[in-house]
């Protein structure tokens, strides 16, 4: 082979090597990204009580194999369950994750926030699952008054006002009457109790910062600080979430 021919093949070989390396890096990035998403989804699904979709930040996740850190994660669920609550739609963000695992921890989260929507349909489903649905025939919301109204049979109504007080949601009874007469206390306590329990337990140790009653239900904002992800308990019925072994 002449020297000119050799010189002409060198650039082609170099380009081929670069292309192969790029394909390997991109393929590795996509694989590791999916594995980390699967790991986090498995760990967070128990927090939200439903299947979740996880999105990762822009940092190349191949670097996470080295430093075990993820800059940010988004978590979405269309049917989250907090306490007895059903049908909550959640969009959450977690920042500054450290995926270093130990016997006592599945990693840490630096801070978190979430927006929650709980529709009147979801509230109705929750009451039905708690055995109150047969008594409460419907739920409506009044955005201007900031209240929820529960129809009890054809003649009675119960009106409550949920609001954030001291970092917790407090549900106050505004009106409980049947044609001007009081509704039985046990029924009022049952409805208020289910609502209160549904709005007390939140994932990642977050706490409510604001609550708004809308024309379709409740909008709730949460914020949280440092949080330790519980370690996966090893037993016959629970396995390490897929992908977690990659970053262990």
Foldseek 3Di string as FASTA:
>chain_A
DDPVVVVVCVVVVVVVVVVVVVVVLVVVQVVLQVLVQQQVQVLCCVQFVHGKGKDFDPPRCVCCLVQQWGAKMWIWDQWGFQQLFTRKTKIKMFGTWRCDDDPWFRTKTFKMKMKIFQFQVRLLVSCVVVVNNVQFPGWWFDQVVQWIWTHGPDFWIWIWHWWDDPQAIAIGTDDTDGVNHHDDPVSVCVSRVSVRSRGGRHGQPWTWDTWGQDRGGIMTMTITGMGTRGDFDDDPVDDNGGSSVSND
